[in-house]
Amino acid sequence: MTQTEFEYHAWFLDPRLPEGDPDREWVACFVIRARTPEDALAWGDQLAKAKALRCGESFLSSALEPSGQDTAQLPIVVDGVEPSDRDIGW
């Protein structure tokens, strides 16, 4: 089965920053290549939750949509392949 590109968004909360700080809640966005939307969402959530745990942040939620033309500059992650934080850009 071929892989499709999906745009993944994960929202985080950094509890170390004071309430009212515009960077306290932030979103990460990248493309995931996966066979199904369910695979893409599960892999993105796994990566986002691991990042939050490593950094003392809270994973708030996520969303997935078909990849569009505006994703050319986004990092690309392949389902099941562990990227570095630098690869994702967070």
PDB file of N, CA and C in Angstrom:
ATOM      1  N   MET A   1       0.850  -1.194   0.000  1.00  0.00           N
ATOM      2  CA  MET A   1       0.000   0.000   0.000  1.00  0.00           C
ATOM      3  C   MET A   1       0.890   1.250   0.000  1.00  0.00           C
ATOM      4  N   THR A   2       0.517   2.226  -0.787  1.00  0.00           N
ATOM      5  CA  THR A   2       1.311   3.449  -0.870  1.00  0.00           C
ATOM      6  C   THR A   2       1.029   4.357   0.322  1.00  0.00           C
ATOM      7  N   GLN A   3       1.960   5.238   0.554  1.00  0.00           N
ATOM      8  CA  GLN A   3       1.803   6.191   1.650  1.00  0.00           C
ATOM      9  C   GLN A   3       1.270   7.513   1.107  1.00  0.00           C
ATOM     10  N   THR A   4       0.491   8.174   1.948  1.00  0.00           N
ATOM     11  CA  THR A   4      -0.091   9.475   1.634  1.00  0.00           C
ATOM     12  C   THR A   4       0.461  10.483   2.624  1.00  0.00           C
ATOM     13  N   GLU A   5       0.515  11.733   2.229  1.00  0.00           N
ATOM     14  CA  GLU A   5       0.985  12.779   3.135  1.00  0.00           C
ATOM     15  C   GLU A   5      -0.192  13.434   3.843  1.00  0.00           C
ATOM     16  N   PHE A   6      -0.040  13.598   5.164  1.00  0.00           N
ATOM     17  CA  PHE A   6      -1.044  14.235   6.006  1.00  0.00           C
ATOM     18  C   PHE A   6      -0.381  15.361   6.792  1.00  0.00           C
ATOM     19  N   GLU A   7      -1.093  16.457   6.957  1.00  0.00           N
ATOM     20  CA  GLU A   7      -0.597  17.568   7.759  1.00  0.00           C
ATOM     21  C   GLU A   7      -1.045  17.351   9.205  1.00  0.00           C
ATOM     22  N   TYR A   8      -0.075  17.289  10.106  1.00  0.00           N
ATOM     23  CA  TYR A   8      -0.333  16.999  11.519  1.00  0.00           C
ATOM     24  C   TYR A   8      -0.072  18.249  12.350  1.00  0.00           C
ATOM     25  N   HIS A   9      -0.976  18.539  13.284  1.00  0.00           N
ATOM     26  CA  HIS A   9      -0.841  19.670  14.208  1.00  0.00           C
ATOM     27  C   HIS A   9      -0.945  19.143  15.630  1.00  0.00           C
ATOM     28  N   ALA A  10      -0.031  19.569  16.496  1.00  0.00           N
ATOM     29  CA  ALA A  10      -0.082  19.207  17.916  1.00  0.00           C
ATOM     30  C   ALA A  10       0.017  20.476  18.742  1.00  0.00           C
ATOM     31  N   TRP A  11      -0.872  20.601  19.726  1.00  0.00           N
ATOM     32  CA  TRP A  11      -0.877  21.760  20.614  1.00  0.00           C
ATOM     33  C   TRP A  11      -0.283  21.376  21.962  1.00  0.00           C
ATOM     34  N   PHE A  12       0.572  22.259  22.471  1.00  0.00           N
ATOM     35  CA  PHE A  12       1.289  22.027  23.723  1.00  0.00           C
ATOM     36  C   PHE A  12       1.070  23.187  24.685  1.00  0.00           C
ATOM     37  N   LEU A  13       1.304  22.914  25.946  1.00  0.00           N
ATOM     38  CA  LEU A  13       1.288  23.929  26.995  1.00  0.00           C
ATOM     39  C   LEU A  13       2.604  23.826  27.749  1.00  0.00           C
ATOM     40  N   ASP A  14       3.291  24.951  27.874  1.00  0.00           N
ATOM     41  CA  ASP A  14       4.532  24.997  28.638  1.00  0.00           C
ATOM     42  C   ASP A  14       4.218  25.604  30.008  1.00  0.00           C
ATOM     43  N   PRO A  15       4.077  24.772  31.054  1.00  0.00           N
ATOM     44  CA  PRO A  15       3.669  25.272  32.364  1.00  0.00           C
ATOM     45  C   PRO A  15       4.735  26.113  33.060  1.00  0.00           C
ATOM     46  N   ARG A  16       5.945  26.122  32.515  1.00  0.00           N
ATOM     47  CA  ARG A  16       7.009  26.937  33.114  1.00  0.00           C
ATOM     48  C   ARG A  16       6.842  28.415  32.805  1.00  0.00           C
ATOM     49  N   LEU A  17       6.060  28.705  31.776  1.00  0.00           N
ATOM     50  CA  LEU A  17       5.819  30.102  31.402  1.00  0.00           C
ATOM     51  C   LEU A  17       4.586  30.618  32.124  1.00  0.00           C
ATOM     52  N   PRO A  18       4.577  31.902  32.454  1.00  0.00           N
ATOM     53  CA  PRO A  18       3.442  32.457  33.198  1.00  0.00           C
ATOM     54  C   PRO A  18       2.178  32.536  32.334  1.00  0.00           C
ATOM     55  N   GLU A  19       1.034  32.463  33.005  1.00  0.00           N
ATOM     56  CA  GLU A  19      -0.225  32.658  32.287  1.00  0.00           C
ATOM     57  C   GLU A  19      -0.191  34.028  31.631  1.00  0.00           C
ATOM     58  N   GLY A  20      -0.743  34.099  30.453  1.00  0.00           N
ATOM     59  CA  GLY A  20      -0.728  35.349  29.703  1.00  0.00           C
ATOM     60  C   GLY A  20       0.441  35.457  28.743  1.00  0.00           C
ATOM     61  N   ASP A  21       1.472  34.637  28.928  1.00  0.00           N
ATOM     62  CA  ASP A  21       2.604  34.640  28.000  1.00  0.00           C
ATOM     63  C   ASP A  21       2.130  34.021  26.677  1.00  0.00           C
ATOM     64  N   PRO A  22       2.321  34.708  25.554  1.00  0.00           N
ATOM     65  CA  PRO A  22       1.829  34.180  24.285  1.00  0.00           C
ATOM     66  C   PRO A  22       2.500  32.866  23.861  1.00  0.00           C
ATOM     67  N   ASP A  23       3.646  32.546  24.442  1.00  0.00           N
ATOM     68  CA  ASP A  23       4.336  31.299  24.096  1.00  0.00           C
ATOM     69  C   ASP A  23       3.969  30.142  25.025  1.00  0.00           C
ATOM     70  N   ARG A  24       3.091  30.395  25.985  1.00  0.00           N
ATOM     71  CA  ARG A  24       2.711  29.329  26.936  1.00  0.00           C
ATOM     72  C   ARG A  24       2.008  28.179  26.211  1.00  0.00           C
ATOM     73  N   GLU A  25       1.093  28.503  25.300  1.00  0.00           N
ATOM     74  CA  GLU A  25       0.470  27.499  24.445  1.00  0.00           C
ATOM     75  C   GLU A  25       1.004  27.687  23.039  1.00  0.00           C
ATOM     76  N   TRP A  26       1.415  26.579  22.436  1.00  0.00           N
ATOM     77  CA  TRP A  26       1.985  26.691  21.101  1.00  0.00           C
ATOM     78  C   TRP A  26       1.634  25.449  20.283  1.00  0.00           C
ATOM     79  N   VAL A  27       1.755  25.580  18.976  1.00  0.00           N
ATOM     80  CA  VAL A  27       1.404  24.487  18.074  1.00  0.00           C
ATOM     81  C   VAL A  27       2.612  24.120  17.219  1.00  0.00           C
ATOM     82  N   ALA A  28       2.757  22.818  17.003  1.00  0.00           N
ATOM     83  CA  ALA A  28       3.769  22.297  16.079  1.00  0.00           C
ATOM     84  C   ALA A  28       3.033  21.742  14.867  1.00  0.00           C
ATOM     85  N   CYS A  29       3.630  21.885  13.712  1.00  0.00           N
ATOM     86  CA  CYS A  29       3.003  21.407  12.484  1.00  0.00           C
ATOM     87  C   CYS A  29       4.059  20.741  11.608  1.00  0.00           C
ATOM     88  N   PHE A  30       3.745  19.546  11.138  1.00  0.00           N
ATOM     89  CA  PHE A  30       4.633  18.850  10.211  1.00  0.00           C
ATOM     90  C   PHE A  30       3.816  17.874   9.381  1.00  0.00           C
ATOM     91  N   VAL A  31       4.431  17.328   8.361  1.00  0.00           N
ATOM     92  CA  VAL A  31       3.783  16.381   7.461  1.00  0.00           C
ATOM     93  C   VAL A  31       4.189  14.971   7.875  1.00  0.00           C
ATOM     94  N   ILE A  32       3.212  14.069   7.863  1.00  0.00           N
ATOM     95  CA  ILE A  32       3.480  12.657   8.152  1.00  0.00           C
ATOM     96  C   ILE A  32       3.093  11.847   6.920  1.00  0.00           C
ATOM     97  N   ARG A  33       4.018  11.018   6.460  1.00  0.00           N
ATOM     98  CA  ARG A  33       3.731  10.069   5.376  1.00  0.00           C
ATOM     99  C   ARG A  33       3.319   8.748   6.028  1.00  0.00           C
ATOM    100  N   ALA A  34       2.095   8.322   5.726  1.00  0.00           N
ATOM    101  CA  ALA A  34       1.567   7.093   6.320  1.00  0.00           C
ATOM    102  C   ALA A  34       0.563   6.457   5.368  1.00  0.00           C
ATOM    103  N   ARG A  35       0.227   5.194   5.649  1.00  0.00           N
ATOM    104  CA  ARG A  35      -0.733   4.484   4.801  1.00  0.00           C
ATOM    105  C   ARG A  35      -2.157   4.990   4.989  1.00  0.00           C
ATOM    106  N   THR A  36      -2.513   5.314   6.251  1.00  0.00           N
ATOM    107  CA  THR A  36      -3.881   5.732   6.552  1.00  0.00           C
ATOM    108  C   THR A  36      -3.857   6.959   7.458  1.00  0.00           C
ATOM    109  N   PRO A  37      -4.957   7.691   7.500  1.00  0.00           N
ATOM    110  CA  PRO A  37      -5.033   8.816   8.437  1.00  0.00           C
ATOM    111  C   PRO A  37      -4.880   8.360   9.887  1.00  0.00           C
ATOM    112  N   GLU A  38      -5.430   7.204  10.210  1.00  0.00           N
ATOM    113  CA  GLU A  38      -5.321   6.678  11.578  1.00  0.00           C
ATOM    114  C   GLU A  38      -3.870   6.395  11.945  1.00  0.00           C
ATOM    115  N   ASP A  39      -3.112   5.830  11.004  1.00  0.00           N
ATOM    116  CA  ASP A  39      -1.680   5.578  11.246  1.00  0.00           C
ATOM    117  C   ASP A  39      -0.937   6.891  11.449  1.00  0.00           C
ATOM    118  N   ALA A  40      -1.240   7.880  10.618  1.00  0.00           N
ATOM    119  CA  ALA A  40      -0.559   9.179  10.717  1.00  0.00           C
ATOM    120  C   ALA A  40      -0.853   9.849  12.054  1.00  0.00           C
ATOM    121  N   LEU A  41      -2.119   9.857  12.454  1.00  0.00           N
ATOM    122  CA  LEU A  41      -2.489  10.485  13.716  1.00  0.00           C
ATOM    123  C   LEU A  41      -1.857   9.764  14.904  1.00  0.00           C
ATOM    124  N   ALA A  42      -1.863   8.449  14.879  1.00  0.00           N
ATOM    125  CA  ALA A  42      -1.270   7.683  15.978  1.00  0.00           C
ATOM    126  C   ALA A  42       0.232   7.943  16.079  1.00  0.00           C
ATOM    127  N   TRP A  43       0.925   7.986  14.948  1.00  0.00           N
ATOM    128  CA  TRP A  43       2.371   8.226  14.972  1.00  0.00           C
ATOM    129  C   TRP A  43       2.673   9.665  15.414  1.00  0.00           C
ATOM    130  N   GLY A  44       1.931  10.615  14.893  1.00  0.00           N
ATOM    131  CA  GLY A  44       2.126  11.999  15.314  1.00  0.00           C
ATOM    132  C   GLY A  44       1.891  12.173  16.802  1.00  0.00           C
ATOM    133  N   ASP A  45       0.816  11.568  17.318  1.00  0.00           N
ATOM    134  CA  ASP A  45       0.527  11.665  18.748  1.00  0.00           C
ATOM    135  C   ASP A  45       1.621  11.018  19.585  1.00  0.00           C
ATOM    136  N   GLN A  46       2.139   9.896  19.115  1.00  0.00           N
ATOM    137  CA  GLN A  46       3.230   9.234  19.850  1.00  0.00           C
ATOM    138  C   GLN A  46       4.454  10.146  19.923  1.00  0.00           C
ATOM    139  N   LEU A  47       4.808  10.761  18.810  1.00  0.00           N
ATOM    140  CA  LEU A  47       5.961  11.665  18.781  1.00  0.00           C
ATOM    141  C   LEU A  47       5.709  12.889  19.659  1.00  0.00           C
ATOM    142  N   ALA A  48       4.517  13.470  19.571  1.00  0.00           N
ATOM    143  CA  ALA A  48       4.201  14.686  20.330  1.00  0.00           C
ATOM    144  C   ALA A  48       4.171  14.408  21.837  1.00  0.00           C
ATOM    145  N   LYS A  49       3.593  13.300  22.226  1.00  0.00           N
ATOM    146  CA  LYS A  49       3.531  12.964  23.652  1.00  0.00           C
ATOM    147  C   LYS A  49       4.921  12.689  24.216  1.00  0.00           C
ATOM    148  N   ALA A  50       5.774  12.040  23.427  1.00  0.00           N
ATOM    149  CA  ALA A  50       7.152  11.782  23.870  1.00  0.00           C
ATOM    150  C   ALA A  50       7.915  13.098  24.009  1.00  0.00           C
ATOM    151  N   LYS A  51       7.706  14.022  23.086  1.00  0.00           N
ATOM    152  CA  LYS A  51       8.367  15.325  23.159  1.00  0.00           C
ATOM    153  C   LYS A  51       7.916  16.079  24.401  1.00  0.00           C
ATOM    154  N   ALA A  52       6.607  16.081  24.660  1.00  0.00           N
ATOM    155  CA  ALA A  52       6.073  16.770  25.832  1.00  0.00           C
ATOM    156  C   ALA A  52       6.666  16.193  27.116  1.00  0.00           C
ATOM    157  N   LEU A  53       6.752  14.885  27.197  1.00  0.00           N
ATOM    158  CA  LEU A  53       7.312  14.234  28.376  1.00  0.00           C
ATOM    159  C   LEU A  53       8.782  14.604  28.568  1.00  0.00           C
ATOM    160  N   ARG A  54       9.555  14.597  27.482  1.00  0.00           N
ATOM    161  CA  ARG A  54      10.981  14.956  27.554  1.00  0.00           C
ATOM    162  C   ARG A  54      11.203  16.379  28.027  1.00  0.00           C
ATOM    163  N   CYS A  55      10.301  17.278  27.646  1.00  0.00           N
ATOM    164  CA  CYS A  55      10.507  18.708  27.873  1.00  0.00           C
ATOM    165  C   CYS A  55       9.687  19.292  29.019  1.00  0.00           C
ATOM    166  N   GLY A  56       8.946  18.462  29.736  1.00  0.00           N
ATOM    167  CA  GLY A  56       8.150  18.964  30.846  1.00  0.00           C
ATOM    168  C   GLY A  56       6.962  19.806  30.415  1.00  0.00           C
ATOM    169  N   GLU A  57       6.451  19.532  29.222  1.00  0.00           N
ATOM    170  CA  GLU A  57       5.299  20.246  28.707  1.00  0.00           C
ATOM    171  C   GLU A  57       4.082  19.333  28.730  1.00  0.00           C
ATOM    172  N   SER A  58       2.930  19.898  28.436  1.00  0.00           N
ATOM    173  CA  SER A  58       1.701  19.117  28.352  1.00  0.00           C
ATOM    174  C   SER A  58       1.251  19.046  26.900  1.00  0.00           C
ATOM    175  N   PHE A  59       0.916  17.858  26.454  1.00  0.00           N
ATOM    176  CA  PHE A  59       0.315  17.648  25.144  1.00  0.00           C
ATOM    177  C   PHE A  59      -1.176  17.910  25.309  1.00  0.00           C
ATOM    178  N   LEU A  60      -1.718  18.897  24.585  1.00  0.00           N
ATOM    179  CA  LEU A  60      -3.117  19.277  24.745  1.00  0.00           C
ATOM    180  C   LEU A  60      -4.044  18.560  23.776  1.00  0.00           C
ATOM    181  N   SER A  61      -3.713  18.595  22.499  1.00  0.00           N
ATOM    182  CA  SER A  61      -4.562  17.975  21.494  1.00  0.00           C
ATOM    183  C   SER A  61      -3.826  17.905  20.167  1.00  0.00           C
ATOM    184  N   SER A  62      -4.480  17.265  19.199  1.00  0.00           N
ATOM    185  CA  SER A  62      -3.885  17.171  17.869  1.00  0.00           C
ATOM    186  C   SER A  62      -4.981  17.170  16.817  1.00  0.00           C
ATOM    187  N   ALA A  63      -4.581  17.422  15.595  1.00  0.00           N
ATOM    188  CA  ALA A  63      -5.501  17.396  14.459  1.00  0.00           C
ATOM    189  C   ALA A  63      -4.726  16.947  13.228  1.00  0.00           C
ATOM    190  N   LEU A  64      -5.454  16.368  12.307  1.00  0.00           N
ATOM    191  CA  LEU A  64      -4.850  15.857  11.083  1.00  0.00           C
ATOM    192  C   LEU A  64      -5.719  16.278   9.911  1.00  0.00           C
ATOM    193  N   GLU A  65      -5.075  16.659   8.819  1.00  0.00           N
ATOM    194  CA  GLU A  65      -5.812  16.996   7.606  1.00  0.00           C
ATOM    195  C   GLU A  65      -4.985  16.565   6.403  1.00  0.00           C
ATOM    196  N   PRO A  66      -5.619  16.409   5.255  1.00  0.00           N
ATOM    197  CA  PRO A  66      -4.861  16.054   4.059  1.00  0.00           C
ATOM    198  C   PRO A  66      -3.802  17.120   3.784  1.00  0.00           C
ATOM    199  N   SER A  67      -2.665  16.695   3.321  1.00  0.00           N
ATOM    200  CA  SER A  67      -1.587  17.627   3.013  1.00  0.00           C
ATOM    201  C   SER A  67      -1.973  18.461   1.796  1.00  0.00           C
ATOM    202  N   GLY A  68      -1.724  19.759   1.884  1.00  0.00           N
ATOM    203  CA  GLY A  68      -2.072  20.660   0.785  1.00  0.00           C
ATOM    204  C   GLY A  68      -0.847  21.297   0.172  1.00  0.00           C
ATOM    205  N   GLN A  69      -1.071  22.272  -0.652  1.00  0.00           N
ATOM    206  CA  GLN A  69       0.022  22.955  -1.339  1.00  0.00           C
ATOM    207  C   GLN A  69       0.852  23.806  -0.396  1.00  0.00           C
ATOM    208  N   ASP A  70       0.298  24.210   0.726  1.00  0.00           N
ATOM    209  CA  ASP A  70       0.998  25.094   1.653  1.00  0.00           C
ATOM    210  C   ASP A  70       1.966  24.350   2.563  1.00  0.00           C
ATOM    211  N   THR A  71       2.192  23.071   2.336  1.00  0.00           N
ATOM    212  CA  THR A  71       3.031  22.278   3.235  1.00  0.00           C
ATOM    213  C   THR A  71       4.451  22.081   2.714  1.00  0.00           C
ATOM    214  N   ALA A  72       4.792  22.709   1.628  1.00  0.00           N
ATOM    215  CA  ALA A  72       6.100  22.481   1.001  1.00  0.00           C
ATOM    216  C   ALA A  72       7.262  22.795   1.939  1.00  0.00           C
ATOM    217  N   GLN A  73       7.086  23.743   2.858  1.00  0.00           N
ATOM    218  CA  GLN A  73       8.173  24.138   3.749  1.00  0.00           C
ATOM    219  C   GLN A  73       8.161  23.392   5.084  1.00  0.00           C
ATOM    220  N   LEU A  74       7.185  22.507   5.286  1.00  0.00           N
ATOM    221  CA  LEU A  74       7.080  21.798   6.560  1.00  0.00           C
ATOM    222  C   LEU A  74       7.995  20.579   6.602  1.00  0.00           C
ATOM    223  N   PRO A  75       8.469  20.229   7.794  1.00  0.00           N
ATOM    224  CA  PRO A  75       9.250  19.002   7.936  1.00  0.00           C
ATOM    225  C   PRO A  75       8.383  17.792   7.576  1.00  0.00           C
ATOM    226  N   ILE A  76       9.017  16.746   7.064  1.00  0.00           N
ATOM    227  CA  ILE A  76       8.314  15.506   6.705  1.00  0.00           C
ATOM    228  C   ILE A  76       8.818  14.377   7.586  1.00  0.00           C
ATOM    229  N   VAL A  77       7.867  13.653   8.167  1.00  0.00           N
ATOM    230  CA  VAL A  77       8.142  12.514   9.031  1.00  0.00           C
ATOM    231  C   VAL A  77       7.475  11.301   8.393  1.00  0.00           C
ATOM    232  N   VAL A  78       8.146  10.154   8.460  1.00  0.00           N
ATOM    233  CA  VAL A  78       7.591   8.922   7.910  1.00  0.00           C
ATOM    234  C   VAL A  78       7.089   8.060   9.064  1.00  0.00           C
ATOM    235  N   ASP A  79       5.883   7.531   8.910  1.00  0.00           N
ATOM    236  CA  ASP A  79       5.275   6.683   9.931  1.00  0.00           C
ATOM    237  C   ASP A  79       6.236   5.560  10.328  1.00  0.00           C
ATOM    238  N   GLY A  80       6.507   5.464  11.624  1.00  0.00           N
ATOM    239  CA  GLY A  80       7.358   4.414  12.156  1.00  0.00           C
ATOM    240  C   GLY A  80       8.841   4.717  12.160  1.00  0.00           C
ATOM    241  N   VAL A  81       9.248   5.823  11.563  1.00  0.00           N
ATOM    242  CA  VAL A  81      10.660   6.210  11.540  1.00  0.00           C
ATOM    243  C   VAL A  81      10.847   7.339  12.547  1.00  0.00           C
ATOM    244  N   GLU A  82      11.668   7.096  13.551  1.00  0.00           N
ATOM    245  CA  GLU A  82      11.877   8.059  14.644  1.00  0.00           C
ATOM    246  C   GLU A  82      12.730   9.240  14.176  1.00  0.00           C
ATOM    247  N   PRO A  83      12.156  10.429  14.074  1.00  0.00           N
ATOM    248  CA  PRO A  83      12.936  11.605  13.691  1.00  0.00           C
ATOM    249  C   PRO A  83      13.576  12.246  14.923  1.00  0.00           C
ATOM    250  N   SER A  84      14.575  13.044  14.691  1.00  0.00           N
ATOM    251  CA  SER A  84      15.142  13.826  15.795  1.00  0.00           C
ATOM    252  C   SER A  84      14.277  15.061  16.022  1.00  0.00           C
ATOM    253  N   ASP A  85      14.428  15.682  17.179  1.00  0.00           N
ATOM    254  CA  ASP A  85      13.727  16.936  17.433  1.00  0.00           C
ATOM    255  C   ASP A  85      14.108  17.974  16.384  1.00  0.00           C
ATOM    256  N   ARG A  86      15.350  17.957  15.991  1.00  0.00           N
ATOM    257  CA  ARG A  86      15.837  18.903  14.978  1.00  0.00           C
ATOM    258  C   ARG A  86      15.148  18.668  13.640  1.00  0.00           C
ATOM    259  N   ASP A  87      14.929  17.375  13.285  1.00  0.00           N
ATOM    260  CA  ASP A  87      14.241  17.060  12.031  1.00  0.00           C
ATOM    261  C   ASP A  87      12.831  17.656  12.004  1.00  0.00           C
ATOM    262  N   ILE A  88      12.142  17.597  13.138  1.00  0.00           N
ATOM    263  CA  ILE A  88      10.779  18.112  13.225  1.00  0.00           C
ATOM    264  C   ILE A  88      10.788  19.632  13.381  1.00  0.00           C
ATOM    265  N   GLY A  89      11.793  20.154  14.041  1.00  0.00           N
ATOM    266  CA  GLY A  89      11.884  21.596  14.228  1.00  0.00           C
ATOM    267  C   GLY A  89      11.263  22.087  15.512  1.00  0.00           C
ATOM    268  N   TRP A  90      11.087  21.197  16.458  1.00  0.00           N
ATOM    269  CA  TRP A  90      10.607  21.669  17.757  1.00  0.00           C
ATOM    270  C   TRP A  90      11.712  21.541  18.686  1.00  0.00           C
TER     271      TRP A  90
END
